[in-house]
Amino acid sequence: MSVSAVAAPHLTQQECHSYPFVKTAHEVTHADLMRELKELEAVGYEPHAEDENYPADIEAAQQRLTDVYRSDCLPQHTAAAVTFPANSD
């Protein structure tokens, strides 16, 4: 998944399946870790050697990624539109 995917209006099905925190059947690779870091940076995480906000800042970025994932990748449960019969007084 590219960093631009986070900025895009909606994630594609392929992007949903390759989201950083979606469990994979394969061993995590360096490329996987770098992709996850780029995704976290795309939603505002700024890694620093001396980060006084760690772990709160990375947790906030992970929550933003989770929100994007839920919005675009999980089924949406919406109430059906309710129509009422016309009043025949």
PDB file of N, CA and C in Angstrom:
ATOM      1  N   MET A   1       0.847  -1.172   0.000  1.00  0.00           N
ATOM      2  CA  MET A   1       0.000   0.000   0.000  1.00  0.00           C
ATOM      3  C   MET A   1       0.883   1.223   0.000  1.00  0.00           C
ATOM      4  N   SER A   2       0.521   2.215  -0.739  1.00  0.00           N
ATOM      5  CA  SER A   2       1.335   3.411  -0.820  1.00  0.00           C
ATOM      6  C   SER A   2       0.862   4.445   0.186  1.00  0.00           C
ATOM      7  N   VAL A   3       1.737   5.373   0.482  1.00  0.00           N
ATOM      8  CA  VAL A   3       1.391   6.448   1.398  1.00  0.00           C
ATOM      9  C   VAL A   3       0.234   7.254   0.843  1.00  0.00           C
ATOM     10  N   SER A   4       0.173   7.386  -0.466  1.00  0.00           N
ATOM     11  CA  SER A   4      -0.909   8.152  -1.067  1.00  0.00           C
ATOM     12  C   SER A   4      -2.262   7.493  -0.847  1.00  0.00           C
ATOM     13  N   ALA A   5      -2.262   6.212  -0.538  1.00  0.00           N
ATOM     14  CA  ALA A   5      -3.527   5.515  -0.298  1.00  0.00           C
ATOM     15  C   ALA A   5      -4.237   6.080   0.916  1.00  0.00           C
ATOM     16  N   VAL A   6      -3.479   6.514   1.912  1.00  0.00           N
ATOM     17  CA  VAL A   6      -4.101   7.077   3.106  1.00  0.00           C
ATOM     18  C   VAL A   6      -4.781   8.392   2.767  1.00  0.00           C
ATOM     19  N   ALA A   7      -4.185   9.164   1.880  1.00  0.00           N
ATOM     20  CA  ALA A   7      -4.751  10.446   1.501  1.00  0.00           C
ATOM     21  C   ALA A   7      -5.880  10.296   0.489  1.00  0.00           C
ATOM     22  N   ALA A   8      -5.960   9.151  -0.165  1.00  0.00           N
ATOM     23  CA  ALA A   8      -6.994   8.914  -1.165  1.00  0.00           C
ATOM     24  C   ALA A   8      -8.357   8.808  -0.486  1.00  0.00           C
ATOM     25  N   PRO A   9      -9.433   9.062  -1.242  1.00  0.00           N
ATOM     26  CA  PRO A   9     -10.765   9.020  -0.648  1.00  0.00           C
ATOM     27  C   PRO A   9     -11.114   7.668  -0.031  1.00  0.00           C
ATOM     28  N   HIS A  10     -10.754   6.582  -0.679  1.00  0.00           N
ATOM     29  CA  HIS A  10     -11.081   5.255  -0.161  1.00  0.00           C
ATOM     30  C   HIS A  10      -9.960   4.284  -0.490  1.00  0.00           C
ATOM     31  N   LEU A  11      -9.780   3.318   0.397  1.00  0.00           N
ATOM     32  CA  LEU A  11      -8.796   2.266   0.154  1.00  0.00           C
ATOM     33  C   LEU A  11      -9.386   1.242  -0.800  1.00  0.00           C
ATOM     34  N   THR A  12      -8.539   0.679  -1.641  1.00  0.00           N
ATOM     35  CA  THR A  12      -8.987  -0.390  -2.525  1.00  0.00           C
ATOM     36  C   THR A  12      -9.038  -1.691  -1.736  1.00  0.00           C
ATOM     37  N   GLN A  13      -9.657  -2.704  -2.299  1.00  0.00           N
ATOM     38  CA  GLN A  13      -9.726  -4.009  -1.643  1.00  0.00           C
ATOM     39  C   GLN A  13      -8.323  -4.562  -1.395  1.00  0.00           C
ATOM     40  N   GLN A  14      -7.432  -4.401  -2.368  1.00  0.00           N
ATOM     41  CA  GLN A  14      -6.054  -4.874  -2.206  1.00  0.00           C
ATOM     42  C   GLN A  14      -5.362  -4.132  -1.063  1.00  0.00           C
ATOM     43  N   GLU A  15      -5.580  -2.827  -0.978  1.00  0.00           N
ATOM     44  CA  GLU A  15      -4.983  -2.050   0.106  1.00  0.00           C
ATOM     45  C   GLU A  15      -5.542  -2.481   1.457  1.00  0.00           C
ATOM     46  N   CYS A  16      -6.816  -2.809   1.498  1.00  0.00           N
ATOM     47  CA  CYS A  16      -7.411  -3.283   2.749  1.00  0.00           C
ATOM     48  C   CYS A  16      -6.752  -4.578   3.214  1.00  0.00           C
ATOM     49  N   HIS A  17      -6.457  -5.468   2.279  1.00  0.00           N
ATOM     50  CA  HIS A  17      -5.844  -6.749   2.641  1.00  0.00           C
ATOM     51  C   HIS A  17      -4.379  -6.610   3.017  1.00  0.00           C
ATOM     52  N   SER A  18      -3.733  -5.531   2.588  1.00  0.00           N
ATOM     53  CA  SER A  18      -2.312  -5.363   2.891  1.00  0.00           C
ATOM     54  C   SER A  18      -2.067  -4.272   3.925  1.00  0.00           C
ATOM     55  N   TYR A  19      -3.110  -3.895   4.649  1.00  0.00           N
ATOM     56  CA  TYR A  19      -2.949  -2.851   5.657  1.00  0.00           C
ATOM     57  C   TYR A  19      -1.953  -3.301   6.709  1.00  0.00           C
ATOM     58  N   PRO A  20      -1.171  -2.390   7.275  1.00  0.00           N
ATOM     59  CA  PRO A  20      -0.070  -2.773   8.163  1.00  0.00           C
ATOM     60  C   PRO A  20      -0.433  -3.690   9.320  1.00  0.00           C
ATOM     61  N   PHE A  21      -1.590  -3.526   9.925  1.00  0.00           N
ATOM     62  CA  PHE A  21      -1.901  -4.331  11.098  1.00  0.00           C
ATOM     63  C   PHE A  21      -2.773  -5.544  10.790  1.00  0.00           C
ATOM     64  N   VAL A  22      -3.071  -5.786   9.522  1.00  0.00           N
ATOM     65  CA  VAL A  22      -3.816  -6.982   9.145  1.00  0.00           C
ATOM     66  C   VAL A  22      -2.857  -8.162   9.221  1.00  0.00           C
ATOM     67  N   LYS A  23      -3.253  -9.200   9.947  1.00  0.00           N
ATOM     68  CA  LYS A  23      -2.377 -10.363  10.106  1.00  0.00           C
ATOM     69  C   LYS A  23      -2.107 -11.011   8.758  1.00  0.00           C
ATOM     70  N   THR A  24      -0.851 -11.327   8.549  1.00  0.00           N
ATOM     71  CA  THR A  24      -0.456 -11.953   7.297  1.00  0.00           C
ATOM     72  C   THR A  24      -0.102 -13.409   7.536  1.00  0.00           C
ATOM     73  N   ALA A  25      -0.144 -14.175   6.471  1.00  0.00           N
ATOM     74  CA  ALA A  25       0.204 -15.592   6.561  1.00  0.00           C
ATOM     75  C   ALA A  25       1.703 -15.791   6.422  1.00  0.00           C
ATOM     76  N   HIS A  26       2.410 -14.729   6.021  1.00  0.00           N
ATOM     77  CA  HIS A  26       3.855 -14.854   5.832  1.00  0.00           C
ATOM     78  C   HIS A  26       4.612 -14.149   6.959  1.00  0.00           C
ATOM     79  N   GLU A  27       5.884 -14.445   7.043  1.00  0.00           N
ATOM     80  CA  GLU A  27       6.737 -13.793   8.028  1.00  0.00           C
ATOM     81  C   GLU A  27       6.868 -12.311   7.672  1.00  0.00           C
ATOM     82  N   VAL A  28       6.860 -11.461   8.681  1.00  0.00           N
ATOM     83  CA  VAL A  28       6.981 -10.028   8.450  1.00  0.00           C
ATOM     84  C   VAL A  28       8.380  -9.720   7.929  1.00  0.00           C
ATOM     85  N   THR A  29       8.426  -8.956   6.851  1.00  0.00           N
ATOM     86  CA  THR A  29       9.702  -8.621   6.218  1.00  0.00           C
ATOM     87  C   THR A  29      10.095  -7.180   6.547  1.00  0.00           C
ATOM     88  N   HIS A  30      11.311  -6.839   6.214  1.00  0.00           N
ATOM     89  CA  HIS A  30      11.769  -5.462   6.381  1.00  0.00           C
ATOM     90  C   HIS A  30      10.901  -4.525   5.546  1.00  0.00           C
ATOM     91  N   ALA A  31      10.546  -4.944   4.354  1.00  0.00           N
ATOM     92  CA  ALA A  31       9.682  -4.127   3.492  1.00  0.00           C
ATOM     93  C   ALA A  31       8.325  -3.886   4.151  1.00  0.00           C
ATOM     94  N   ASP A  32       7.779  -4.905   4.824  1.00  0.00           N
ATOM     95  CA  ASP A  32       6.509  -4.746   5.542  1.00  0.00           C
ATOM     96  C   ASP A  32       6.641  -3.686   6.631  1.00  0.00           C
ATOM     97  N   LEU A  33       7.731  -3.749   7.386  1.00  0.00           N
ATOM     98  CA  LEU A  33       7.959  -2.789   8.465  1.00  0.00           C
ATOM     99  C   LEU A  33       8.124  -1.370   7.921  1.00  0.00           C
ATOM    100  N   MET A  34       8.836  -1.235   6.828  1.00  0.00           N
ATOM    101  CA  MET A  34       9.025   0.083   6.226  1.00  0.00           C
ATOM    102  C   MET A  34       7.704   0.632   5.691  1.00  0.00           C
ATOM    103  N   ARG A  35       6.874  -0.223   5.121  1.00  0.00           N
ATOM    104  CA  ARG A  35       5.556   0.206   4.630  1.00  0.00           C
ATOM    105  C   ARG A  35       4.701   0.686   5.800  1.00  0.00           C
ATOM    106  N   GLU A  36       4.739  -0.055   6.913  1.00  0.00           N
ATOM    107  CA  GLU A  36       3.962   0.346   8.083  1.00  0.00           C
ATOM    108  C   GLU A  36       4.450   1.691   8.619  1.00  0.00           C
ATOM    109  N   LEU A  37       5.754   1.878   8.685  1.00  0.00           N
ATOM    110  CA  LEU A  37       6.295   3.151   9.157  1.00  0.00           C
ATOM    111  C   LEU A  37       5.845   4.298   8.253  1.00  0.00           C
ATOM    112  N   LYS A  38       5.853   4.092   6.951  1.00  0.00           N
ATOM    113  CA  LYS A  38       5.401   5.135   6.021  1.00  0.00           C
ATOM    114  C   LYS A  38       3.923   5.442   6.221  1.00  0.00           C
ATOM    115  N   GLU A  39       3.129   4.416   6.476  1.00  0.00           N
ATOM    116  CA  GLU A  39       1.703   4.631   6.722  1.00  0.00           C
ATOM    117  C   GLU A  39       1.497   5.431   8.007  1.00  0.00           C
ATOM    118  N   LEU A  40       2.257   5.106   9.047  1.00  0.00           N
ATOM    119  CA  LEU A  40       2.159   5.847  10.307  1.00  0.00           C
ATOM    120  C   LEU A  40       2.586   7.304  10.112  1.00  0.00           C
ATOM    121  N   GLU A  41       3.650   7.508   9.361  1.00  0.00           N
ATOM    122  CA  GLU A  41       4.107   8.869   9.083  1.00  0.00           C
ATOM    123  C   GLU A  41       3.069   9.638   8.266  1.00  0.00           C
ATOM    124  N   ALA A  42       2.363   8.957   7.383  1.00  0.00           N
ATOM    125  CA  ALA A  42       1.359   9.603   6.536  1.00  0.00           C
ATOM    126  C   ALA A  42       0.189  10.145   7.345  1.00  0.00           C
ATOM    127  N   VAL A  43      -0.043   9.580   8.535  1.00  0.00           N
ATOM    128  CA  VAL A  43      -1.139  10.062   9.382  1.00  0.00           C
ATOM    129  C   VAL A  43      -0.620  10.876  10.565  1.00  0.00           C
ATOM    130  N   GLY A  44       0.637  11.324  10.466  1.00  0.00           N
ATOM    131  CA  GLY A  44       1.130  12.276  11.447  1.00  0.00           C
ATOM    132  C   GLY A  44       2.205  11.817  12.406  1.00  0.00           C
ATOM    133  N   TYR A  45       2.571  10.549  12.402  1.00  0.00           N
ATOM    134  CA  TYR A  45       3.608  10.077  13.318  1.00  0.00           C
ATOM    135  C   TYR A  45       4.966  10.571  12.849  1.00  0.00           C
ATOM    136  N   GLU A  46       5.753  11.105  13.783  1.00  0.00           N
ATOM    137  CA  GLU A  46       7.096  11.584  13.480  1.00  0.00           C
ATOM    138  C   GLU A  46       8.088  10.870  14.388  1.00  0.00           C
ATOM    139  N   PRO A  47       8.748   9.825  13.881  1.00  0.00           N
ATOM    140  CA  PRO A  47       9.698   9.087  14.718  1.00  0.00           C
ATOM    141  C   PRO A  47      10.969   9.904  14.969  1.00  0.00           C
ATOM    142  N   HIS A  48      11.378   9.942  16.210  1.00  0.00           N
ATOM    143  CA  HIS A  48      12.605  10.639  16.598  1.00  0.00           C
ATOM    144  C   HIS A  48      13.344   9.780  17.604  1.00  0.00           C
ATOM    145  N   ALA A  49      14.648   9.912  17.631  1.00  0.00           N
ATOM    146  CA  ALA A  49      15.458   9.142  18.574  1.00  0.00           C
ATOM    147  C   ALA A  49      15.098   9.501  20.015  1.00  0.00           C
ATOM    148  N   GLU A  50      14.877  10.771  20.282  1.00  0.00           N
ATOM    149  CA  GLU A  50      14.521  11.216  21.631  1.00  0.00           C
ATOM    150  C   GLU A  50      13.087  11.734  21.607  1.00  0.00           C
ATOM    151  N   ASP A  51      12.148  10.843  21.574  1.00  0.00           N
ATOM    152  CA  ASP A  51      10.740  11.205  21.451  1.00  0.00           C
ATOM    153  C   ASP A  51      10.088  11.193  22.822  1.00  0.00           C
ATOM    154  N   GLU A  52       9.848  12.377  23.372  1.00  0.00           N
ATOM    155  CA  GLU A  52       9.249  12.469  24.705  1.00  0.00           C
ATOM    156  C   GLU A  52       7.767  12.103  24.706  1.00  0.00           C
ATOM    157  N   ASN A  53       7.144  12.051  23.529  1.00  0.00           N
ATOM    158  CA  ASN A  53       5.724  11.705  23.443  1.00  0.00           C
ATOM    159  C   ASN A  53       5.481  10.222  23.179  1.00  0.00           C
ATOM    160  N   TYR A  54       6.558   9.448  23.083  1.00  0.00           N
ATOM    161  CA  TYR A  54       6.414   8.012  22.835  1.00  0.00           C
ATOM    162  C   TYR A  54       5.949   7.339  24.117  1.00  0.00           C
ATOM    163  N   PRO A  55       4.996   6.460  24.096  1.00  0.00           N
ATOM    164  CA  PRO A  55       4.336   5.835  22.956  1.00  0.00           C
ATOM    165  C   PRO A  55       3.020   6.492  22.550  1.00  0.00           C
ATOM    166  N   ALA A  56       2.626   7.578  23.214  1.00  0.00           N
ATOM    167  CA  ALA A  56       1.322   8.180  22.921  1.00  0.00           C
ATOM    168  C   ALA A  56       1.198   8.617  21.467  1.00  0.00           C
ATOM    169  N   ASP A  57       2.284   9.130  20.882  1.00  0.00           N
ATOM    170  CA  ASP A  57       2.196   9.617  19.506  1.00  0.00           C
ATOM    171  C   ASP A  57       2.025   8.486  18.500  1.00  0.00           C
ATOM    172  N   ILE A  58       2.707   7.385  18.707  1.00  0.00           N
ATOM    173  CA  ILE A  58       2.551   6.260  17.767  1.00  0.00           C
ATOM    174  C   ILE A  58       1.196   5.584  17.972  1.00  0.00           C
ATOM    175  N   GLU A  59       0.726   5.551  19.214  1.00  0.00           N
ATOM    176  CA  GLU A  59      -0.600   4.970  19.468  1.00  0.00           C
ATOM    177  C   GLU A  59      -1.687   5.810  18.802  1.00  0.00           C
ATOM    178  N   ALA A  60      -1.537   7.133  18.827  1.00  0.00           N
ATOM    179  CA  ALA A  60      -2.511   8.009  18.164  1.00  0.00           C
ATOM    180  C   ALA A  60      -2.493   7.784  16.651  1.00  0.00           C
ATOM    181  N   ALA A  61      -1.305   7.631  16.084  1.00  0.00           N
ATOM    182  CA  ALA A  61      -1.198   7.368  14.644  1.00  0.00           C
ATOM    183  C   ALA A  61      -1.803   6.008  14.302  1.00  0.00           C
ATOM    184  N   GLN A  62      -1.559   5.011  15.141  1.00  0.00           N
ATOM    185  CA  GLN A  62      -2.151   3.689  14.910  1.00  0.00           C
ATOM    186  C   GLN A  62      -3.670   3.773  14.966  1.00  0.00           C
ATOM    187  N   GLN A  63      -4.214   4.585  15.866  1.00  0.00           N
ATOM    188  CA  GLN A  63      -5.663   4.746  15.952  1.00  0.00           C
ATOM    189  C   GLN A  63      -6.205   5.410  14.692  1.00  0.00           C
ATOM    190  N   ARG A  64      -5.484   6.399  14.167  1.00  0.00           N
ATOM    191  CA  ARG A  64      -5.926   7.043  12.922  1.00  0.00           C
ATOM    192  C   ARG A  64      -5.917   6.051  11.766  1.00  0.00           C
ATOM    193  N   LEU A  65      -4.888   5.200  11.704  1.00  0.00           N
ATOM    194  CA  LEU A  65      -4.856   4.157  10.665  1.00  0.00           C
ATOM    195  C   LEU A  65      -6.026   3.195  10.839  1.00  0.00           C
ATOM    196  N   THR A  66      -6.306   2.830  12.078  1.00  0.00           N
ATOM    197  CA  THR A  66      -7.429   1.935  12.358  1.00  0.00           C
ATOM    198  C   THR A  66      -8.738   2.569  11.908  1.00  0.00           C
ATOM    199  N   ASP A  67      -8.903   3.856  12.159  1.00  0.00           N
ATOM    200  CA  ASP A  67     -10.126   4.550  11.754  1.00  0.00           C
ATOM    201  C   ASP A  67     -10.294   4.547  10.233  1.00  0.00           C
ATOM    202  N   VAL A  68      -9.204   4.796   9.508  1.00  0.00           N
ATOM    203  CA  VAL A  68      -9.255   4.762   8.041  1.00  0.00           C
ATOM    204  C   VAL A  68      -9.626   3.356   7.581  1.00  0.00           C
ATOM    205  N   TYR A  69      -8.995   2.356   8.183  1.00  0.00           N
ATOM    206  CA  TYR A  69      -9.262   0.962   7.823  1.00  0.00           C
ATOM    207  C   TYR A  69     -10.731   0.620   8.068  1.00  0.00           C
ATOM    208  N   ARG A  70     -11.234   0.958   9.238  1.00  0.00           N
ATOM    209  CA  ARG A  70     -12.640   0.653   9.553  1.00  0.00           C
ATOM    210  C   ARG A  70     -13.584   1.344   8.583  1.00  0.00           C
ATOM    211  N   SER A  71     -13.281   2.573   8.270  1.00  0.00           N
ATOM    212  CA  SER A  71     -14.142   3.345   7.381  1.00  0.00           C
ATOM    213  C   SER A  71     -14.196   2.756   5.975  1.00  0.00           C
ATOM    214  N   ASP A  72     -13.048   2.313   5.483  1.00  0.00           N
ATOM    215  CA  ASP A  72     -12.966   1.876   4.091  1.00  0.00           C
ATOM    216  C   ASP A  72     -13.027   0.369   3.882  1.00  0.00           C
ATOM    217  N   CYS A  73     -12.691  -0.414   4.890  1.00  0.00           N
ATOM    218  CA  CYS A  73     -12.512  -1.848   4.660  1.00  0.00           C
ATOM    219  C   CYS A  73     -13.525  -2.746   5.361  1.00  0.00           C
ATOM    220  N   LEU A  74     -14.165  -2.259   6.386  1.00  0.00           N
ATOM    221  CA  LEU A  74     -15.129  -3.094   7.091  1.00  0.00           C
ATOM    222  C   LEU A  74     -16.533  -2.778   6.609  1.00  0.00           C
ATOM    223  N   PRO A  75     -17.415  -3.779   6.634  1.00  0.00           N
ATOM    224  CA  PRO A  75     -18.790  -3.533   6.197  1.00  0.00           C
ATOM    225  C   PRO A  75     -19.434  -2.456   7.064  1.00  0.00           C
ATOM    226  N   GLN A  76     -20.145  -1.577   6.425  1.00  0.00           N
ATOM    227  CA  GLN A  76     -20.824  -0.506   7.146  1.00  0.00           C
ATOM    228  C   GLN A  76     -22.239  -0.949   7.484  1.00  0.00           C
ATOM    229  N   HIS A  77     -22.596  -0.792   8.726  1.00  0.00           N
ATOM    230  CA  HIS A  77     -23.948  -1.135   9.169  1.00  0.00           C
ATOM    231  C   HIS A  77     -24.735   0.162   9.273  1.00  0.00           C
ATOM    232  N   THR A  78     -25.646   0.341   8.335  1.00  0.00           N
ATOM    233  CA  THR A  78     -26.456   1.549   8.344  1.00  0.00           C
ATOM    234  C   THR A  78     -27.916   1.166   8.449  1.00  0.00           C
ATOM    235  N   ALA A  79     -28.660   2.032   9.038  1.00  0.00           N
ATOM    236  CA  ALA A  79     -30.094   1.789   9.157  1.00  0.00           C
ATOM    237  C   ALA A  79     -30.741   1.983   7.793  1.00  0.00           C
ATOM    238  N   ALA A  80     -31.680   1.132   7.478  1.00  0.00           N
ATOM    239  CA  ALA A  80     -32.402   1.255   6.212  1.00  0.00           C
ATOM    240  C   ALA A  80     -33.306   2.478   6.283  1.00  0.00           C
ATOM    241  N   ALA A  81     -33.493   3.091   5.154  1.00  0.00           N
ATOM    242  CA  ALA A  81     -34.376   4.255   5.111  1.00  0.00           C
ATOM    243  C   ALA A  81     -35.801   3.809   5.415  1.00  0.00           C
ATOM    244  N   VAL A  82     -36.453   4.563   6.251  1.00  0.00           N
ATOM    245  CA  VAL A  82     -37.822   4.236   6.635  1.00  0.00           C
ATOM    246  C   VAL A  82     -38.756   5.168   5.887  1.00  0.00           C
ATOM    247  N   THR A  83     -39.753   4.588   5.223  1.00  0.00           N
ATOM    248  CA  THR A  83     -40.752   5.410   4.542  1.00  0.00           C
ATOM    249  C   THR A  83     -42.094   5.149   5.189  1.00  0.00           C
ATOM    250  N   PHE A  84     -42.822   6.203   5.366  1.00  0.00           N
ATOM    251  CA  PHE A  84     -44.132   6.092   5.980  1.00  0.00           C
ATOM    252  C   PHE A  84     -45.193   6.301   4.910  1.00  0.00           C
ATOM    253  N   PRO A  85     -46.313   5.593   5.025  1.00  0.00           N
ATOM    254  CA  PRO A  85     -47.381   5.788   4.040  1.00  0.00           C
ATOM    255  C   PRO A  85     -47.922   7.216   4.123  1.00  0.00           C
ATOM    256  N   ALA A  86     -48.371   7.708   2.983  1.00  0.00           N
ATOM    257  CA  ALA A  86     -48.936   9.063   2.946  1.00  0.00           C
ATOM    258  C   ALA A  86     -50.181   9.106   3.807  1.00  0.00           C
ATOM    259  N   ASN A  87     -50.386  10.210   4.463  1.00  0.00           N
ATOM    260  CA  ASN A  87     -51.550  10.394   5.322  1.00  0.00           C
ATOM    261  C   ASN A  87     -52.777  10.582   4.434  1.00  0.00           C
ATOM    262  N   SER A  88     -53.783   9.758   4.608  1.00  0.00           N
ATOM    263  CA  SER A  88     -54.975   9.817   3.751  1.00  0.00           C
ATOM    264  C   SER A  88     -56.166  10.351   4.516  1.00  0.00           C
ATOM    265  N   ASP A  89     -56.010  11.511   5.146  1.00  0.00           N
ATOM    266  CA  ASP A  89     -57.118  12.120   5.899  1.00  0.00           C
ATOM    267  C   ASP A  89     -58.121  12.735   4.991  1.00  0.00           C
TER     268      ASP A  89
END
